Amino acid sequence: MPINSFVFYRSFYEAIETLKKEEDQLKLMIAIIHRGLGMEDVPLSGVALGMFALIAPQLEANHKRYENGKKGAPYGKLGGRPKNEN
């Protein structure tokens, strides 16, 4: 199933803004979007690559949190965790 959304943090924007060339800003932004939506990685170099290396783990952690949340969906429809039998 394709990923339809992801969290884009202010810190991502602030990192993008520090890049001097608009072309590098665009490449980093597209790389973030591609990783966030589960698409193929965009080749980066230089400072943009270093920034992406710091951003990528947060994108992965958010995706993992989302996947783990889906596992509990059947219990959420029933009102929560099953009661313990004591």
N, C-alpha and C. Protein backbone atom coordinates (compact mmCIF):
# COMPACT_ATOMS: atom_id res chain seq x y z
N MET A 1 0.84 -1.18 0.00
CA MET A 1 0.00 0.00 0.00
C MET A 1 0.89 1.25 0.00
N PRO A 2 0.61 2.20 -0.89
CA PRO A 2 1.43 3.41 -0.95
C PRO A 2 1.21 4.29 0.28
N ILE A 3 2.22 5.06 0.60
CA ILE A 3 2.13 6.01 1.71
C ILE A 3 1.53 7.29 1.16
N ASN A 4 0.48 7.79 1.81
CA ASN A 4 -0.23 8.96 1.31
C ASN A 4 0.14 10.26 2.00
N SER A 5 0.81 10.18 3.14
CA SER A 5 1.17 11.41 3.85
C SER A 5 2.37 11.15 4.75
N PHE A 6 2.98 12.24 5.21
CA PHE A 6 4.08 12.15 6.17
C PHE A 6 4.17 13.48 6.90
N VAL A 7 4.88 13.49 8.01
CA VAL A 7 5.03 14.71 8.81
C VAL A 7 6.24 15.49 8.29
N PHE A 8 6.02 16.77 8.02
CA PHE A 8 7.09 17.66 7.59
C PHE A 8 7.30 18.68 8.70
N TYR A 9 8.43 18.60 9.37
CA TYR A 9 8.70 19.44 10.53
C TYR A 9 9.28 20.79 10.14
N ARG A 10 9.07 21.78 11.02
CA ARG A 10 9.64 23.10 10.82
C ARG A 10 11.17 23.02 10.69
N SER A 11 11.79 22.11 11.44
CA SER A 11 13.25 21.98 11.38
C SER A 11 13.71 21.54 9.99
N PHE A 12 12.89 20.77 9.27
CA PHE A 12 13.22 20.41 7.89
C PHE A 12 13.28 21.69 7.04
N TYR A 13 12.24 22.51 7.19
CA TYR A 13 12.18 23.77 6.44
C TYR A 13 13.37 24.67 6.77
N GLU A 14 13.69 24.77 8.06
CA GLU A 14 14.80 25.62 8.48
C GLU A 14 16.13 25.11 7.92
N ALA A 15 16.30 23.79 7.83
CA ALA A 15 17.51 23.23 7.24
C ALA A 15 17.57 23.55 5.76
N ILE A 16 16.46 23.43 5.07
CA ILE A 16 16.41 23.73 3.64
C ILE A 16 16.76 25.19 3.39
N GLU A 17 16.24 26.08 4.21
CA GLU A 17 16.47 27.51 4.05
C GLU A 17 17.95 27.90 4.18
N THR A 18 18.74 27.11 4.91
CA THR A 18 20.15 27.45 5.09
C THR A 18 20.99 27.19 3.85
N LEU A 19 20.49 26.37 2.94
CA LEU A 19 21.23 26.10 1.71
C LEU A 19 21.22 27.35 0.83
N LYS A 20 22.36 27.68 0.25
CA LYS A 20 22.50 28.92 -0.50
C LYS A 20 21.86 28.85 -1.88
N LYS A 21 22.03 27.76 -2.58
CA LYS A 21 21.49 27.64 -3.94
C LYS A 21 20.06 27.12 -3.90
N GLU A 22 19.18 27.77 -4.67
CA GLU A 22 17.80 27.31 -4.74
C GLU A 22 17.72 25.89 -5.30
N GLU A 23 18.63 25.55 -6.19
CA GLU A 23 18.65 24.20 -6.77
C GLU A 23 18.91 23.16 -5.68
N ASP A 24 19.83 23.44 -4.76
CA ASP A 24 20.10 22.53 -3.65
C ASP A 24 18.91 22.45 -2.70
N GLN A 25 18.25 23.59 -2.47
CA GLN A 25 17.06 23.60 -1.62
C GLN A 25 15.98 22.69 -2.21
N LEU A 26 15.76 22.83 -3.50
CA LEU A 26 14.75 22.03 -4.17
C LEU A 26 15.09 20.55 -4.12
N LYS A 27 16.34 20.22 -4.38
CA LYS A 27 16.75 18.81 -4.35
C LYS A 27 16.54 18.20 -2.97
N LEU A 28 16.90 18.94 -1.91
CA LEU A 28 16.72 18.42 -0.55
C LEU A 28 15.24 18.27 -0.24
N MET A 29 14.43 19.23 -0.63
CA MET A 29 12.99 19.14 -0.37
C MET A 29 12.38 17.94 -1.10
N ILE A 30 12.77 17.73 -2.34
CA ILE A 30 12.25 16.59 -3.10
C ILE A 30 12.73 15.29 -2.50
N ALA A 31 13.97 15.26 -2.02
CA ALA A 31 14.48 14.04 -1.38
C ALA A 31 13.69 13.71 -0.12
N ILE A 32 13.34 14.73 0.66
CA ILE A 32 12.53 14.53 1.87
C ILE A 32 11.16 13.99 1.49
N ILE A 33 10.55 14.59 0.49
CA ILE A 33 9.22 14.16 0.04
C ILE A 33 9.26 12.72 -0.46
N HIS A 34 10.26 12.41 -1.26
CA HIS A 34 10.38 11.04 -1.80
C HIS A 34 10.51 10.02 -0.67
N ARG A 35 11.38 10.29 0.31
CA ARG A 35 11.57 9.35 1.42
C ARG A 35 10.29 9.27 2.26
N GLY A 36 9.67 10.43 2.51
CA GLY A 36 8.46 10.46 3.32
C GLY A 36 7.30 9.69 2.70
N LEU A 37 7.22 9.68 1.39
CA LEU A 37 6.14 8.99 0.69
C LEU A 37 6.55 7.59 0.23
N GLY A 38 7.74 7.15 0.63
CA GLY A 38 8.16 5.79 0.30
C GLY A 38 8.57 5.59 -1.16
N MET A 39 9.00 6.66 -1.80
CA MET A 39 9.42 6.59 -3.20
C MET A 39 10.93 6.38 -3.27
N GLU A 40 11.45 6.24 -4.49
CA GLU A 40 12.89 6.05 -4.68
C GLU A 40 13.67 7.26 -4.17
N ASP A 41 14.85 7.01 -3.62
CA ASP A 41 15.68 8.09 -3.12
C ASP A 41 16.23 8.95 -4.25
N VAL A 42 16.39 10.23 -3.97
CA VAL A 42 16.94 11.19 -4.92
C VAL A 42 18.43 11.32 -4.63
N PRO A 43 19.28 11.25 -5.66
CA PRO A 43 20.72 11.40 -5.40
C PRO A 43 21.05 12.83 -4.95
N LEU A 44 21.79 12.93 -3.86
CA LEU A 44 22.22 14.22 -3.32
C LEU A 44 23.72 14.22 -3.15
N SER A 45 24.29 15.41 -2.97
CA SER A 45 25.72 15.52 -2.70
C SER A 45 25.95 16.74 -1.82
N GLY A 46 27.14 16.82 -1.27
CA GLY A 46 27.54 17.97 -0.48
C GLY A 46 26.74 18.15 0.79
N VAL A 47 26.46 19.40 1.09
CA VAL A 47 25.77 19.75 2.33
C VAL A 47 24.35 19.18 2.34
N ALA A 48 23.67 19.17 1.20
CA ALA A 48 22.31 18.62 1.13
C ALA A 48 22.30 17.15 1.54
N LEU A 49 23.31 16.42 1.14
CA LEU A 49 23.41 15.01 1.52
C LEU A 49 23.60 14.87 3.03
N GLY A 50 24.42 15.72 3.61
CA GLY A 50 24.63 15.70 5.05
C GLY A 50 23.36 16.03 5.82
N MET A 51 22.63 17.03 5.35
CA MET A 51 21.37 17.39 6.00
C MET A 51 20.36 16.26 5.90
N PHE A 52 20.29 15.65 4.72
CA PHE A 52 19.34 14.55 4.52
C PHE A 52 19.67 13.37 5.43
N ALA A 53 20.97 13.15 5.66
CA ALA A 53 21.37 12.06 6.56
C ALA A 53 20.85 12.30 7.97
N LEU A 54 20.69 13.55 8.36
CA LEU A 54 20.14 13.87 9.68
C LEU A 54 18.62 13.83 9.70
N ILE A 55 17.98 14.10 8.58
CA ILE A 55 16.52 14.14 8.48
C ILE A 55 15.92 12.75 8.28
N ALA A 56 16.59 11.91 7.50
CA ALA A 56 16.06 10.59 7.14
C ALA A 56 15.66 9.72 8.34
N PRO A 57 16.45 9.66 9.41
CA PRO A 57 16.03 8.83 10.55
C PRO A 57 14.70 9.26 11.16
N GLN A 58 14.42 10.56 11.16
CA GLN A 58 13.13 11.02 11.69
C GLN A 58 11.98 10.57 10.79
N LEU A 59 12.18 10.62 9.48
CA LEU A 59 11.16 10.14 8.55
C LEU A 59 10.91 8.65 8.75
N GLU A 60 11.99 7.88 8.93
CA GLU A 60 11.85 6.44 9.15
C GLU A 60 11.14 6.14 10.47
N ALA A 61 11.48 6.89 11.52
CA ALA A 61 10.84 6.68 12.82
C ALA A 61 9.35 6.99 12.75
N ASN A 62 8.99 8.05 12.04
CA ASN A 62 7.57 8.38 11.89
C ASN A 62 6.82 7.29 11.13
N HIS A 63 7.45 6.77 10.09
CA HIS A 63 6.81 5.71 9.31
C HIS A 63 6.64 4.45 10.16
N LYS A 64 7.65 4.12 10.94
CA LYS A 64 7.58 2.95 11.81
C LYS A 64 6.47 3.12 12.85
N ARG A 65 6.36 4.32 13.42
CA ARG A 65 5.31 4.61 14.39
C ARG A 65 3.93 4.44 13.75
N TYR A 66 3.79 4.89 12.51
CA TYR A 66 2.54 4.75 11.78
C TYR A 66 2.20 3.28 11.56
N GLU A 67 3.19 2.50 11.11
CA GLU A 67 2.97 1.07 10.86
C GLU A 67 2.60 0.33 12.15
N ASN A 68 3.27 0.66 13.24
CA ASN A 68 2.95 0.03 14.52
C ASN A 68 1.55 0.42 15.00
N GLY A 69 1.12 1.61 14.72
CA GLY A 69 -0.23 2.05 15.09
C GLY A 69 -1.30 1.30 14.33
N LYS A 70 -1.01 0.94 13.07
CA LYS A 70 -1.98 0.18 12.29
C LYS A 70 -2.21 -1.21 12.87
N LYS A 71 -1.20 -1.77 13.54
CA LYS A 71 -1.33 -3.11 14.11
C LYS A 71 -2.39 -3.14 15.21
N GLY A 72 -2.55 -2.03 15.91
CA GLY A 72 -3.53 -1.97 17.00
C GLY A 72 -4.91 -1.53 16.54
N ALA A 73 -5.10 -1.31 15.26
CA ALA A 73 -6.38 -0.82 14.74
C ALA A 73 -7.57 -1.70 15.11
N PRO A 74 -7.48 -3.04 15.03
CA PRO A 74 -8.64 -3.84 15.39
C PRO A 74 -9.07 -3.63 16.84
N TYR A 75 -8.11 -3.42 17.74
CA TYR A 75 -8.47 -3.20 19.13
C TYR A 75 -9.06 -1.81 19.33
N GLY A 76 -8.60 -0.84 18.55
CA GLY A 76 -9.16 0.50 18.65
C GLY A 76 -10.62 0.54 18.26
N LYS A 77 -11.01 -0.26 17.27
CA LYS A 77 -12.41 -0.31 16.84
C LYS A 77 -13.29 -0.91 17.93
N LEU A 78 -12.70 -1.73 18.78
CA LEU A 78 -13.45 -2.37 19.85
C LEU A 78 -13.42 -1.58 21.14
N GLY A 79 -12.76 -0.44 21.14
CA GLY A 79 -12.72 0.39 22.34
C GLY A 79 -11.42 0.32 23.11
N GLY A 80 -10.42 -0.34 22.60
CA GLY A 80 -9.12 -0.37 23.27
C GLY A 80 -8.58 -1.76 23.49
N ARG A 81 -7.59 -1.83 24.36
CA ARG A 81 -6.92 -3.10 24.66
C ARG A 81 -7.91 -4.05 25.34
N PRO A 82 -7.84 -5.35 25.01
CA PRO A 82 -8.73 -6.30 25.67
C PRO A 82 -8.44 -6.32 27.18
N LYS A 83 -9.47 -6.54 27.97
CA LYS A 83 -9.32 -6.59 29.41
C LYS A 83 -8.59 -7.87 29.81
N ASN A 84 -7.76 -7.75 30.84
CA ASN A 84 -7.04 -8.91 31.36
C ASN A 84 -8.02 -9.85 32.06
N GLU A 85 -7.81 -11.14 31.90
CA GLU A 85 -8.64 -12.15 32.55
C GLU A 85 -7.96 -12.54 33.86
N ASN A 86 -8.30 -11.90 34.97
CA ASN A 86 -7.71 -12.22 36.28
C ASN A 86 -8.75 -12.78 37.20
